[in-house]
Amino acid sequence: MCDELTADDNDRFLSRRDFGAVTGAVGLAMMLPAPANARTIAGRDVVIETPDGHCDAYFVAPSGVRSPAVLVWPDIMGLRPAFRKMADRLAQSGYAVLTVNQFYRSTKAPFLAAGESFDQPAVRERIGPWREELTPAATTRDAAAFLTWIDKQREVDPRRGIGSTGYCMGGPMTFRTAAANPTRVRAIGAFHPAGLVTDTPDSPHLLVPRMRAAALVAIAANDDARSPNDKTALRSAFASAKRPAEIEVYAGTMHGWCPPDSRVYNRAEAERAWARQLATLQRL
């Protein structure tokens, strides 16, 4: 879950496969298929003022119409070409999409050089201090600023709800976004999330009663093997709060399987999770 254990798991997984074939598959995967009846879209780089500084981000939306919005929190490798492609694809399905650089307090995006990955110890050491800045309070402040910015954009329909999706460390950020802004956030998606269930008083799963959003939680198989009780705690939290939630372990997947530039990208299961995301966002 975004740590050295995840890196070790992925290395063992890749050692059982032909690395050259994996690399070639990732290259092809970056060419994500457009949805049927894809909308014409327009994207732009933006800078958003927050209480803590200025966040660089990417905003893309269907052209000529107002659309429901989605706030995307990337994984620990941040805003990069893969997440721009994912944002474009989501916009082609009819959403105004803001994908942020959650590490803006420390660095601009993209911050990884070609060939760098979180699996590498030097990269983990570099990102570690940046991650410490992203406290629950900081995330909540950021979310409020991002949602305010979203509602001011001409491409956004403010009468519709807002969605929030997150990958890896972004999963808890979607929970905090929804809990702090329950009247605006109506759907969330967390993909191979890290740290949704902890033993701390501010654990994300304890925020579920504050939400009004439907949820999709797509769990990697190796994460579930390490923490098999997390899915039960999440299901219990949503059931007690009477909030709709789809919580599933995706068989055969490794932590990080959804972004198309991941070393453990699983195209078939990523496409299935993408389809479930679109179904969840229909609630907006």
Foldseek 3Di string as FASTA:
>chain_A
DLDLVLLVVLVVVCVVDDLVVLQVQLVVVLPPDADVQFAAKDKDWDWFQFPLGIWIKIKMAGPPAAFAEEEEEEALQFDDSLVVSVCSRVRRVTYTYIYTGLLVNPDHPNPDDPPDDSSDPVVVVVSVVSVVVPDLVNLLRVLVRVVVVQVPDPNHDQVAAYEYEYAACGQLSRLSSQLSCQVRYAEYEYEQYDQQDDPDPVRSLVSLLSHNYEYEYEHEPVVCVVPVCPLVSNVVSCVVSVHHYHYDYDPPARRPQQRSNDSRPDPVVNVVSVVVRVVRVVRD
